[in-house]
C-alpha atoms as a PDB file:
ATOM      1  CA  MET A   1     117.603 105.490  89.500  1.00  0.00           C
ATOM      2  CA  ASN A   2     115.161 103.262  91.312  1.00  0.00           C
ATOM      3  CA  GLU A   3     111.531 102.650  90.054  1.00  0.00           C
ATOM      4  CA  SER A   4     109.951 104.945  92.739  1.00  0.00           C
ATOM      5  CA  ARG A   5     112.041 107.978  91.903  1.00  0.00           C
ATOM      6  CA  ARG A   6     111.608 107.223  88.259  1.00  0.00           C
ATOM      7  CA  LEU A   7     107.886 107.434  88.415  1.00  0.00           C
ATOM      8  CA  ASN A   8     107.903 110.399  90.738  1.00  0.00           C
ATOM      9  CA  LEU A   9     109.997 112.444  88.458  1.00  0.00           C
ATOM     10  CA  SER A  10     108.110 111.430  85.459  1.00  0.00           C
ATOM     11  CA  ALA A  11     104.711 112.461  87.171  1.00  0.00           C
ATOM     12  CA  ALA A  12     106.213 115.809  88.011  1.00  0.00           C
ATOM     13  CA  ALA A  13     107.679 116.288  84.465  1.00  0.00           C
ATOM     14  CA  ALA A  14     104.285 115.449  82.853  1.00  0.00           C
ATOM     15  CA  SER A  15     102.715 118.023  85.239  1.00  0.00           C
ATOM     16  CA  ILE A  16     104.957 120.917  84.257  1.00  0.00           C
ATOM     17  CA  THR A  17     104.364 120.006  80.638  1.00  0.00           C
ATOM     18  CA  ALA A  18     100.581 120.145  80.926  1.00  0.00           C
ATOM     19  CA  ALA A  19     100.871 123.390  83.074  1.00  0.00           C
ATOM     20  CA  VAL A  20     102.989 125.062  80.195  1.00  0.00           C
ATOM     21  CA  LEU A  21     100.432 123.921  77.614  1.00  0.00           C
ATOM     22  CA  LEU A  22      97.408 125.223  79.489  1.00  0.00           C
ATOM     23  CA  LEU A  23      98.965 128.419  80.641  1.00  0.00           C
ATOM     24  CA  GLY A  24      99.342 129.533  76.952  1.00  0.00           C
ATOM     25  CA  LEU A  25      95.922 128.381  75.854  1.00  0.00           C
ATOM     26  CA  LYS A  26      94.189 129.958  78.892  1.00  0.00           C
ATOM     27  CA  ALA A  27      96.026 133.263  78.639  1.00  0.00           C
ATOM     28  CA  TRP A  28      94.738 133.603  74.971  1.00  0.00           C
ATOM     29  CA  ALA A  29      91.248 132.511  76.031  1.00  0.00           C
ATOM     30  CA  ALA A  30      91.147 135.217  79.096  1.00  0.00           C
ATOM     31  CA  TRP A  31      92.220 137.937  76.694  1.00  0.00           C
ATOM     32  CA  SER A  32      89.807 136.882  74.066  1.00  0.00           C
ATOM     33  CA  THR A  33      86.757 136.662  76.542  1.00  0.00           C
ATOM     34  CA  GLY A  34      87.249 139.097  79.247  1.00  0.00           C
ATOM     35  CA  SER A  35      85.874 136.496  81.649  1.00  0.00           C
ATOM     36  CA  THR A  36      86.294 136.512  85.508  1.00  0.00           C
ATOM     37  CA  ALA A  37      85.953 132.776  85.633  1.00  0.00           C
ATOM     38  CA  MET A  38      88.402 132.110  82.608  1.00  0.00           C
ATOM     39  CA  LEU A  39      91.047 134.636  84.550  1.00  0.00           C
ATOM     40  CA  GLY A  40      90.722 132.677  87.722  1.00  0.00           C
ATOM     41  CA  SER A  41      91.412 129.442  85.687  1.00  0.00           C
ATOM     42  CA  LEU A  42      94.309 131.080  84.266  1.00  0.00           C
ATOM     43  CA  ALA A  43      95.507 132.098  87.577  1.00  0.00           C
ATOM     44  CA  ASP A  44      95.096 128.705  88.768  1.00  0.00           C
ATOM     45  CA  THR A  45      97.052 127.259  85.934  1.00  0.00           C
ATOM     46  CA  ALA A  46      99.887 129.661  86.593  1.00  0.00           C
ATOM     47  CA  LEU A  47     100.128 128.350  90.200  1.00  0.00           C
ATOM     48  CA  ASP A  48      99.694 124.753  88.859  1.00  0.00           C
ATOM     49  CA  LEU A  49     102.848 125.522  87.158  1.00  0.00           C
ATOM     50  CA  VAL A  50     105.011 126.770  90.003  1.00  0.00           C
ATOM     51  CA  ALA A  51     103.543 124.047  92.098  1.00  0.00           C
ATOM     52  CA  SER A  52     104.506 121.492  89.620  1.00  0.00           C
ATOM     53  CA  VAL A  53     108.182 122.755  89.930  1.00  0.00           C
ATOM     54  CA  ALA A  54     108.005 122.696  93.597  1.00  0.00           C
ATOM     55  CA  THR A  55     106.781 118.886  93.261  1.00  0.00           C
ATOM     56  CA  LEU A  56     109.635 118.146  90.903  1.00  0.00           C
ATOM     57  CA  THR A  57     111.987 119.751  93.336  1.00  0.00           C
ATOM     58  CA  GLY A  58     110.265 117.725  96.379  1.00  0.00           C
ATOM     59  CA  VAL A  59     110.397 114.248  94.822  1.00  0.00           C
ATOM     60  CA  TRP A  60     114.093 115.028  93.543  1.00  0.00           C
ATOM     61  CA  ILE A  61     115.327 115.909  97.017  1.00  0.00           C
ATOM     62  CA  ALA A  62     113.262 113.270  98.578  1.00  0.00           C
ATOM     63  CA  ALA A  63     114.725 110.539  96.472  1.00  0.00           C
ATOM     64  CA  MET A  64     118.265 111.407  97.653  1.00  0.00           C
ATOM     65  CA  PRO A  65     119.795 108.864  99.819  1.00  0.00           C
ATOM     66  CA  ALA A  66     120.569 109.497 103.391  1.00  0.00           C
ATOM     67  CA  ASP A  67     123.803 111.454 104.151  1.00  0.00           C
ATOM     68  CA  ASP A  68     125.709 112.493 107.222  1.00  0.00           C
ATOM     69  CA  LYS A  69     123.623 115.529 108.060  1.00  0.00           C
ATOM     70  CA  HIS A  70     120.345 113.682 107.075  1.00  0.00           C
ATOM     71  CA  ARG A  71     120.707 110.111 108.609  1.00  0.00           C
ATOM     72  CA  PHE A  72     116.837 109.496 108.025  1.00  0.00           C
ATOM     73  CA  GLY A  73     116.842 110.716 104.378  1.00  0.00           C
ATOM     74  CA  HIS A  74     115.224 113.587 102.788  1.00  0.00           C
ATOM     75  CA  GLY A  75     111.798 112.231 102.481  1.00  0.00           C
ATOM     76  CA  LYS A  76     110.259 115.192 104.446  1.00  0.00           C
ATOM     77  CA  ALA A  77     111.075 117.517 101.224  1.00  0.00           C
ATOM     78  CA  GLU A  78     107.896 116.068  99.835  1.00  0.00           C
ATOM     79  CA  ALA A  79     105.753 117.395 102.566  1.00  0.00           C
ATOM     80  CA  ILE A  80     107.425 120.756 102.490  1.00  0.00           C
ATOM     81  CA  ALA A  81     106.762 120.811  98.834  1.00  0.00           C
ATOM     82  CA  ALA A  82     103.209 119.785  99.299  1.00  0.00           C
ATOM     83  CA  LEU A  83     102.757 122.723 101.950  1.00  0.00           C
ATOM     84  CA  PHE A  84     104.341 125.253  99.505  1.00  0.00           C
ATOM     85  CA  GLN A  85     101.674 124.159  96.784  1.00  0.00           C
ATOM     86  CA  ILE A  86      98.989 124.525  99.620  1.00  0.00           C
ATOM     87  CA  VAL A  87     100.057 127.968 100.222  1.00  0.00           C
ATOM     88  CA  LEU A  88      99.841 128.916  96.401  1.00  0.00           C
ATOM     89  CA  ILE A  89      96.336 127.326  96.098  1.00  0.00           C
ATOM     90  CA  SER A  90      94.933 129.417  98.858  1.00  0.00           C
ATOM     91  CA  ILE A  91      96.546 132.634  97.416  1.00  0.00           C
ATOM     92  CA  SER A  92      95.042 131.698  94.099  1.00  0.00           C
ATOM     93  CA  ALA A  93      91.571 131.256  95.992  1.00  0.00           C
ATOM     94  CA  LEU A  94      91.785 134.589  97.593  1.00  0.00           C
ATOM     95  CA  GLY A  95      92.685 136.457  94.340  1.00  0.00           C
ATOM     96  CA  ILE A  96      90.058 134.889  92.326  1.00  0.00           C
ATOM     97  CA  ALA A  97      87.360 135.525  95.063  1.00  0.00           C
ATOM     98  CA  ALA A  98      88.372 139.175  95.083  1.00  0.00           C
ATOM     99  CA  ARG A  99      88.094 139.527  91.344  1.00  0.00           C
ATOM    100  CA  ALA A 100      84.805 137.822  91.073  1.00  0.00           C
ATOM    101  CA  VAL A 101      83.408 140.025  93.927  1.00  0.00           C
ATOM    102  CA  GLU A 102      84.663 143.066  92.126  1.00  0.00           C
ATOM    103  CA  GLN A 103      83.230 141.912  88.645  1.00  0.00           C
ATOM    104  CA  PHE A 104      79.875 141.065  90.099  1.00  0.00           C
ATOM    105  CA  PHE A 105      79.391 144.619  91.264  1.00  0.00           C
ATOM    106  CA  GLU A 106      80.686 146.209  88.084  1.00  0.00           C
ATOM    107  CA  GLY A 107      78.284 143.981  86.105  1.00  0.00           C
ATOM    108  CA  ALA A 108      80.843 143.184  83.382  1.00  0.00           C
ATOM    109  CA  ARG A 109      80.087 140.846  80.548  1.00  0.00           C
ATOM    110  CA  THR A 110      82.099 138.188  78.625  1.00  0.00           C
ATOM    111  CA  GLU A 111      83.071 138.133  74.803  1.00  0.00           C
ATOM    112  CA  ALA A 112      83.738 135.435  72.332  1.00  0.00           C
ATOM    113  CA  ALA A 113      82.506 132.786  74.656  1.00  0.00           C
ATOM    114  CA  GLU A 114      83.322 130.020  72.231  1.00  0.00           C
ATOM    115  CA  TYR A 115      86.876 130.582  72.357  1.00  0.00           C
ATOM    116  CA  GLY A 116      86.908 130.178  76.110  1.00  0.00           C
ATOM    117  CA  ILE A 117      84.524 126.953  75.966  1.00  0.00           C
ATOM    118  CA  GLY A 118      86.910 125.407  73.429  1.00  0.00           C
ATOM    119  CA  VAL A 119      89.974 125.866  75.566  1.00  0.00           C
ATOM    120  CA  SER A 120      88.181 124.668  78.662  1.00  0.00           C
ATOM    121  CA  VAL A 121      87.180 121.331  76.932  1.00  0.00           C
ATOM    122  CA  GLY A 122      90.778 121.005  75.624  1.00  0.00           C
ATOM    123  CA  ALA A 123      92.167 121.683  79.203  1.00  0.00           C
ATOM    124  CA  ILE A 124      89.747 119.072  80.695  1.00  0.00           C
ATOM    125  CA  VAL A 125      91.075 116.450  78.233  1.00  0.00           C
ATOM    126  CA  ILE A 126      94.824 117.092  78.977  1.00  0.00           C
ATOM    127  CA  THR A 127      93.974 117.203  82.860  1.00  0.00           C
ATOM    128  CA  LEU A 128      92.328 113.990  82.759  1.00  0.00           C
ATOM    129  CA  ALA A 129      95.389 112.357  80.877  1.00  0.00           C
ATOM    130  CA  LEU A 130      97.589 113.893  83.428  1.00  0.00           C
ATOM    131  CA  LEU A 131      95.618 112.688  86.555  1.00  0.00           C
ATOM    132  CA  GLY A 132      95.390 109.119  85.119  1.00  0.00           C
ATOM    133  CA  TRP A 133      99.199 108.943  85.256  1.00  0.00           C
ATOM    134  CA  GLN A 134      99.535 110.678  88.629  1.00  0.00           C
ATOM    135  CA  ARG A 135      97.207 108.324  90.216  1.00  0.00           C
ATOM    136  CA  HIS A 136      99.137 105.345  88.784  1.00  0.00           C
ATOM    137  CA  VAL A 137     102.248 106.820  90.169  1.00  0.00           C
ATOM    138  CA  THR A 138     100.855 107.636  93.509  1.00  0.00           C
ATOM    139  CA  ARG A 139      99.443 104.034  93.764  1.00  0.00           C
ATOM    140  CA  ARG A 140     103.029 102.669  93.138  1.00  0.00           C
ATOM    141  CA  THR A 141     104.999 105.183  94.944  1.00  0.00           C
ATOM    142  CA  GLY A 142     102.820 106.708  97.627  1.00  0.00           C
ATOM    143  CA  SER A 143     104.405 110.097  96.938  1.00  0.00           C
ATOM    144  CA  LEU A 144     102.787 112.922  99.063  1.00  0.00           C
ATOM    145  CA  ALA A 145     104.098 115.818  96.787  1.00  0.00           C
ATOM    146  CA  VAL A 146     102.575 113.989  93.857  1.00  0.00           C
ATOM    147  CA  HIS A 147      99.307 112.998  95.586  1.00  0.00           C
ATOM    148  CA  THR A 148      98.733 116.894  96.680  1.00  0.00           C
ATOM    149  CA  ASP A 149      99.518 118.180  93.047  1.00  0.00           C
ATOM    150  CA  SER A 150      97.007 115.583  91.713  1.00  0.00           C
ATOM    151  CA  VAL A 151      94.425 117.180  94.087  1.00  0.00           C
ATOM    152  CA  HIS A 152      94.937 120.447  92.864  1.00  0.00           C
ATOM    153  CA  TYR A 153      94.577 119.257  89.065  1.00  0.00           C
ATOM    154  CA  GLN A 154      91.349 117.266  90.035  1.00  0.00           C
ATOM    155  CA  SER A 155      89.857 120.655  91.439  1.00  0.00           C
ATOM    156  CA  ASP A 156      90.975 121.832  87.808  1.00  0.00           C
ATOM    157  CA  LEU A 157      88.310 119.648  86.224  1.00  0.00           C
ATOM    158  CA  LEU A 158      85.483 121.306  88.280  1.00  0.00           C
ATOM    159  CA  LEU A 159      87.096 124.803  87.568  1.00  0.00           C
ATOM    160  CA  ASN A 160      86.999 124.161  83.703  1.00  0.00           C
ATOM    161  CA  ALA A 161      83.649 122.829  83.751  1.00  0.00           C
ATOM    162  CA  ALA A 162      82.447 125.912  85.858  1.00  0.00           C
ATOM    163  CA  VAL A 163      84.264 128.168  83.265  1.00  0.00           C
ATOM    164  CA  ILE A 164      82.388 126.511  80.563  1.00  0.00           C
ATOM    165  CA  SER A 165      78.866 126.988  82.448  1.00  0.00           C
ATOM    166  CA  ALA A 166      79.789 130.584  83.329  1.00  0.00           C
ATOM    167  CA  LEU A 167      80.465 131.511  79.715  1.00  0.00           C
ATOM    168  CA  ALA A 168      77.388 129.814  78.308  1.00  0.00           C
ATOM    169  CA  MET A 169      75.050 131.384  80.857  1.00  0.00           C
ATOM    170  CA  ASP A 170      76.546 134.754  80.431  1.00  0.00           C
ATOM    171  CA  GLN A 171      76.793 134.719  76.604  1.00  0.00           C
ATOM    172  CA  TYR A 172      73.858 132.533  75.479  1.00  0.00           C
ATOM    173  CA  ALA A 173      71.424 132.807  78.472  1.00  0.00           C
ATOM    174  CA  GLY A 174      71.945 136.419  79.114  1.00  0.00           C
ATOM    175  CA  ILE A 175      72.682 135.891  82.771  1.00  0.00           C
ATOM    176  CA  SER A 176      75.018 138.729  83.624  1.00  0.00           C
ATOM    177  CA  GLY A 177      76.218 137.555  87.211  1.00  0.00           C
ATOM    178  CA  ALA A 178      76.851 133.966  86.013  1.00  0.00           C
ATOM    179  CA  ASP A 179      80.683 134.576  85.301  1.00  0.00           C
ATOM    180  CA  PRO A 180      81.655 135.999  88.776  1.00  0.00           C
ATOM    181  CA  LEU A 181      79.527 133.925  90.646  1.00  0.00           C
ATOM    182  CA  PHE A 182      81.092 130.722  89.064  1.00  0.00           C
ATOM    183  CA  GLY A 183      84.405 132.445  89.681  1.00  0.00           C
ATOM    184  CA  LEU A 184      83.701 132.797  93.560  1.00  0.00           C
ATOM    185  CA  ALA A 185      82.548 129.125  93.612  1.00  0.00           C
ATOM    186  CA  ILE A 186      85.687 128.139  92.123  1.00  0.00           C
ATOM    187  CA  ALA A 187      87.574 130.223  94.774  1.00  0.00           C
ATOM    188  CA  CYS A 188      85.738 128.426  97.502  1.00  0.00           C
ATOM    189  CA  TRP A 189      86.139 125.081  96.054  1.00  0.00           C
ATOM    190  CA  LEU A 190      90.133 125.810  95.833  1.00  0.00           C
ATOM    191  CA  GLY A 191      90.167 126.967  99.291  1.00  0.00           C
ATOM    192  CA  TRP A 192      88.408 123.718 100.617  1.00  0.00           C
ATOM    193  CA  ASN A 193      91.088 121.709  98.598  1.00  0.00           C
ATOM    194  CA  ALA A 194      93.780 123.538 100.193  1.00  0.00           C
ATOM    195  CA  TRP A 195      92.468 122.838 103.670  1.00  0.00           C
ATOM    196  CA  LYS A 196      91.852 118.931 102.962  1.00  0.00           C
ATOM    197  CA  ALA A 197      95.506 118.604 101.396  1.00  0.00           C
ATOM    198  CA  SER A 198      97.224 120.409 104.424  1.00  0.00           C
ATOM    199  CA  GLN A 199      96.244 117.622 106.699  1.00  0.00           C
ATOM    200  CA  ASP A 200      98.316 114.790 105.153  1.00  0.00           C
ATOM    201  CA  ALA A 201     101.312 117.160 104.832  1.00  0.00           C
ATOM    202  CA  ILE A 202     101.040 118.483 108.322  1.00  0.00           C
ATOM    203  CA  GLU A 203     100.569 114.987 109.762  1.00  0.00           C
ATOM    204  CA  GLN A 204     103.806 113.820 108.128  1.00  0.00           C
ATOM    205  CA  LEU A 205     105.779 116.766 109.316  1.00  0.00           C
ATOM    206  CA  MET A 206     104.500 116.127 112.797  1.00  0.00           C
ATOM    207  CA  ASP A 207     105.586 112.351 112.503  1.00  0.00           C
ATOM    208  CA  ARG A 208     102.086 111.184 113.165  1.00  0.00           C
ATOM    209  CA  GLU A 209     101.904 107.360 113.867  1.00  0.00           C
ATOM    210  CA  TRP A 210     100.805 104.863 111.142  1.00  0.00           C
ATOM    211  CA  PRO A 211      97.132 103.947 110.828  1.00  0.00           C
ATOM    212  CA  SER A 212      95.957 101.178 113.348  1.00  0.00           C
ATOM    213  CA  VAL A 213      95.524  98.563 110.398  1.00  0.00           C
ATOM    214  CA  LYS A 214      98.982  98.909 109.206  1.00  0.00           C
ATOM    215  CA  LYS A 215     100.314  98.665 112.841  1.00  0.00           C
ATOM    216  CA  GLU A 216      98.162  95.506 113.429  1.00  0.00           C
ATOM    217  CA  ARG A 217      99.810  93.965 110.031  1.00  0.00           C
ATOM    218  CA  PHE A 218     103.366  94.900 111.352  1.00  0.00           C
ATOM    219  CA  LEU A 219     102.797  93.283 114.652  1.00  0.00           C
ATOM    220  CA  ALA A 220     101.381  90.224 113.252  1.00  0.00           C
ATOM    221  CA  VAL A 221     104.282  89.476 111.224  1.00  0.00           C
ATOM    222  CA  LEU A 222     106.544  90.175 114.342  1.00  0.00           C
ATOM    223  CA  ALA A 223     104.597  87.871 116.525  1.00  0.00           C
ATOM    224  CA  ARG A 224     105.595  84.902 114.262  1.00  0.00           C
ATOM    225  CA  ASN A 225     108.866  84.972 115.806  1.00  0.00           C
ATOM    226  CA  PRO A 226     109.068  82.378 118.575  1.00  0.00           C
ATOM    227  CA  ASP A 227     112.240  83.719 120.340  1.00  0.00           C
ATOM    228  CA  ILE A 228     110.502  86.997 121.439  1.00  0.00           C
ATOM    229  CA  THR A 229     107.764  87.158 124.147  1.00  0.00           C
ATOM    230  CA  GLY A 230     106.649  90.709 124.295  1.00  0.00           C
ATOM    231  CA  VAL A 231     106.921  94.045 122.399  1.00  0.00           C
ATOM    232  CA  HIS A 232     106.786  97.479 123.806  1.00  0.00           C
ATOM    233  CA  ASP A 233     107.441 101.081 123.240  1.00  0.00           C
ATOM    234  CA  LEU A 234     106.590 100.826 119.403  1.00  0.00           C
ATOM    235  CA  ARG A 235     106.973 103.944 117.522  1.00  0.00           C
ATOM    236  CA  THR A 236     106.136 104.497 113.905  1.00  0.00           C
ATOM    237  CA  ARG A 237     106.312 107.429 111.350  1.00  0.00           C
ATOM    238  CA  THR A 238     106.383 108.210 107.415  1.00  0.00           C
ATOM    239  CA  SER A 239     108.745 110.422 105.795  1.00  0.00           C
ATOM    240  CA  GLY A 240     107.854 110.904 102.011  1.00  0.00           C
ATOM    241  CA  ASN A 241     107.522 107.314 100.711  1.00  0.00           C
ATOM    242  CA  ARG A 242     109.703 105.840 103.381  1.00  0.00           C
ATOM    243  CA  ASP A 243     108.509 104.391 106.585  1.00  0.00           C
ATOM    244  CA  PHE A 244     110.325 104.212 110.018  1.00  0.00           C
ATOM    245  CA  VAL A 245     109.541 101.786 112.981  1.00  0.00           C
ATOM    246  CA  GLN A 246     111.348 101.227 116.283  1.00  0.00           C
ATOM    247  CA  PHE A 247     110.580  99.128 119.295  1.00  0.00           C
ATOM    248  CA  HIS A 248     111.605  97.160 122.402  1.00  0.00           C
ATOM    249  CA  VAL A 249     111.313  93.155 122.295  1.00  0.00           C
ATOM    250  CA  TRP A 250     111.543  91.001 125.416  1.00  0.00           C
ATOM    251  CA  VAL A 251     113.957  87.891 124.831  1.00  0.00           C
ATOM    252  CA  ASP A 252     115.308  85.193 127.094  1.00  0.00           C
ATOM    253  CA  PRO A 253     117.609  87.000 129.622  1.00  0.00           C
ATOM    254  CA  GLU A 254     119.845  83.919 129.414  1.00  0.00           C
ATOM    255  CA  MET A 255     120.761  84.389 125.758  1.00  0.00           C
ATOM    256  CA  THR A 256     124.296  85.506 124.847  1.00  0.00           C
ATOM    257  CA  VAL A 257     124.887  88.689 122.840  1.00  0.00           C
ATOM    258  CA  ARG A 258     125.545  86.724 119.784  1.00  0.00           C
ATOM    259  CA  GLU A 259     122.180  84.728 120.146  1.00  0.00           C
ATOM    260  CA  ALA A 260     120.270  88.185 120.804  1.00  0.00           C
ATOM    261  CA  HIS A 261     121.906  89.458 117.761  1.00  0.00           C
ATOM    262  CA  ARG A 262     120.723  86.545 115.641  1.00  0.00           C
ATOM    263  CA  VAL A 263     117.254  86.817 116.916  1.00  0.00           C
ATOM    264  CA  MET A 264     117.350  90.635 115.957  1.00  0.00           C
ATOM    265  CA  ASP A 265     118.499  89.579 112.426  1.00  0.00           C
ATOM    266  CA  ASP A 266     115.758  87.023 111.942  1.00  0.00           C
ATOM    267  CA  ILE A 267     113.245  89.697 112.954  1.00  0.00           C
ATOM    268  CA  GLU A 268     114.511  92.176 110.573  1.00  0.00           C
ATOM    269  CA  THR A 269     114.659  89.716 107.856  1.00  0.00           C
ATOM    270  CA  ARG A 270     110.868  88.428 108.300  1.00  0.00           C
ATOM    271  CA  LEU A 271     109.733  91.910 108.672  1.00  0.00           C
ATOM    272  CA  GLN A 272     111.466  93.358 105.529  1.00  0.00           C
ATOM    273  CA  ALA A 273     110.156  90.454 103.412  1.00  0.00           C
ATOM    274  CA  GLU A 274     106.588  91.760 104.029  1.00  0.00           C
ATOM    275  CA  PHE A 275     107.609  95.633 104.459  1.00  0.00           C
ATOM    276  CA  PRO A 276     110.647  96.043 102.162  1.00  0.00           C
ATOM    277  CA  GLU A 277     110.562  99.815 102.400  1.00  0.00           C
ATOM    278  CA  VAL A 278     110.603 100.196 106.266  1.00  0.00           C
ATOM    279  CA  GLU A 279     113.577 101.167 108.229  1.00  0.00           C
ATOM    280  CA  ILE A 280     113.812  99.105 111.368  1.00  0.00           C
ATOM    281  CA  LEU A 281     115.382  99.854 114.809  1.00  0.00           C
ATOM    282  CA  ILE A 282     114.941  97.196 117.291  1.00  0.00           C
ATOM    283  CA  HIS A 283     116.211  97.191 121.071  1.00  0.00           C
ATOM    284  CA  PRO A 284     116.227  93.832 122.822  1.00  0.00           C
ATOM    285  CA  ASP A 285     115.364  93.770 126.644  1.00  0.00           C
ATOM    286  CA  PRO A 286     115.512  90.748 129.039  1.00  0.00           C
ATOM    287  CA  GLU A 287     112.071  89.293 129.412  1.00  0.00           C
ATOM    288  CA  GLY A 288     109.958  91.327 131.764  1.00  0.00           C
ATOM    289  CA  LEU A 289     112.288  94.291 132.089  1.00  0.00           C
ATOM    290  CA  VAL A 290     110.346  97.596 131.350  1.00  0.00           C
ATOM    291  CA  ASP A 291     112.197 100.940 131.658  1.00  0.00           C
ATOM    292  CA  GLU A 292     109.421 102.982 130.251  1.00  0.00           C
ATOM    293  CA  GLU A 293     106.106 104.221 131.831  1.00  0.00           C
ATOM    294  CA  GLY A 294     102.657 104.740 130.873  1.00  0.00           C
ATOM    295  CA  PRO A 295     101.319 103.272 127.489  1.00  0.00           C
ATOM    296  CA  ARG A 296     104.881 102.875 126.391  1.00  0.00           C
ATOM    297  CA  ALA A 297     105.455  99.987 128.835  1.00  0.00           C
ATOM    298  CA  ARG A 298     102.394  98.210 127.525  1.00  0.00           C
ATOM    299  CA  ASP A 299     102.937  95.057 125.819  1.00  0.00           C
ATOM    300  CA  VAL A 300     101.504  95.215 122.148  1.00  0.00           C
ATOM    301  CA  LEU A 301     102.526  91.802 120.726  1.00  0.00           C
ATOM    302  CA  PRO A 302      99.123  90.269 119.455  1.00  0.00           C
ATOM    303  CA  HIS A 303      97.983  86.858 120.413  1.00  0.00           C
ATOM    304  CA  THR A 304      97.474  84.079 118.121  1.00  0.00           C
ATOM    305  CA  CYS A 305      93.915  84.879 117.100  1.00  0.00           C
ATOM    306  CA  ASP A 306      94.758  88.561 116.616  1.00  0.00           C
ATOM    307  CA  VAL A 307      97.737  87.354 114.317  1.00  0.00           C
ATOM    308  CA  ASP A 308      95.381  85.247 112.363  1.00  0.00           C
ATOM    309  CA  HIS A 309      92.801  88.336 112.060  1.00  0.00           C
ATOM    310  CA  ALA A 310      95.371  90.809 111.024  1.00  0.00           C
ATOM    311  CA  LEU A 311      97.073  88.570 108.541  1.00  0.00           C
ATOM    312  CA  GLY A 312      93.654  87.823 106.968  1.00  0.00           C
ATOM    313  CA  ALA A 313      93.113  91.426 106.690  1.00  0.00           C
ATOM    314  CA  MET A 314      96.457  92.118 105.143  1.00  0.00           C
ATOM    315  CA  SER A 315      95.663  89.336 102.578  1.00  0.00           C
ATOM    316  CA  SER A 316      92.347  90.836 101.542  1.00  0.00           C
ATOM    317  CA  THR A 317      94.047  94.183 101.134  1.00  0.00           C
ATOM    318  CA  GLU A 318      96.613  92.461  98.757  1.00  0.00           C
ATOM    319  CA  LYS A 319      93.959  90.955  96.853  1.00  0.00           C
ATOM    320  CA  ALA A 320      92.109  94.103  96.521  1.00  0.00           C
ATOM    321  CA  ARG A 321      95.415  95.817  94.927  1.00  0.00           C
END
């Protein structure tokens, strides 16, 4: 099992363990206090558990090697798992909001606030520990499913703090509408996080191009090869924790097939030394030949000054890491 897969699976397993523990604690607290905010927190944790199982399934499938039916691998399973989580978060938000509105107009009060406050404090401690590990994993692997799961648990910190505030204001300050209003605020927060998290998943499923800075770094390394005079029809995408790139290069039209093959091998070796997780597909063209039209036909190989700038940016990024 490679390192990325091991880390992603460990993050998913930690998420499931935390969700099971919190589910039991919050079910008892919700029954003891009758709090809408705590009930919302319980519902959110129940969905956390389902979402964590989806994360585990997504990273497990995404880590499978390419096969005859999936020649580009299974990386998009992570984006599908992320979208599944987003749907669950949205359903949770709508349910909590409906319950909060109902409780507000009924004027219901909470009981035994100290139980709910104690459980919420414990939930914050458990969630912080989980987020620390998830953050470490996403820095190392770039997993979209683990990142989306982490976004959900980040919202849990605010959610648990809101539950504490709601219970304290309802029981100790005598503000009867505090609990449902906090529950409604929690629902809005969850909905907003679902919207933000959906963007990355959708962009990956739609094969969005790499960010411009990453493209510039890639082209700067490509420009080091003296045997090519131009690059066009550059296409990039990301699937799970793997990147894919394909492009056309111009080479001396007098080259033999053997020489052109050697140049392509040199280019791949140089690029994969800097971008080890990228799968590369290169098409050689005689210098000046362009079969494409529009932006795809434009030469994107950078000049010397552009190469120095991009490599300098790349060094700064690596130092920051």
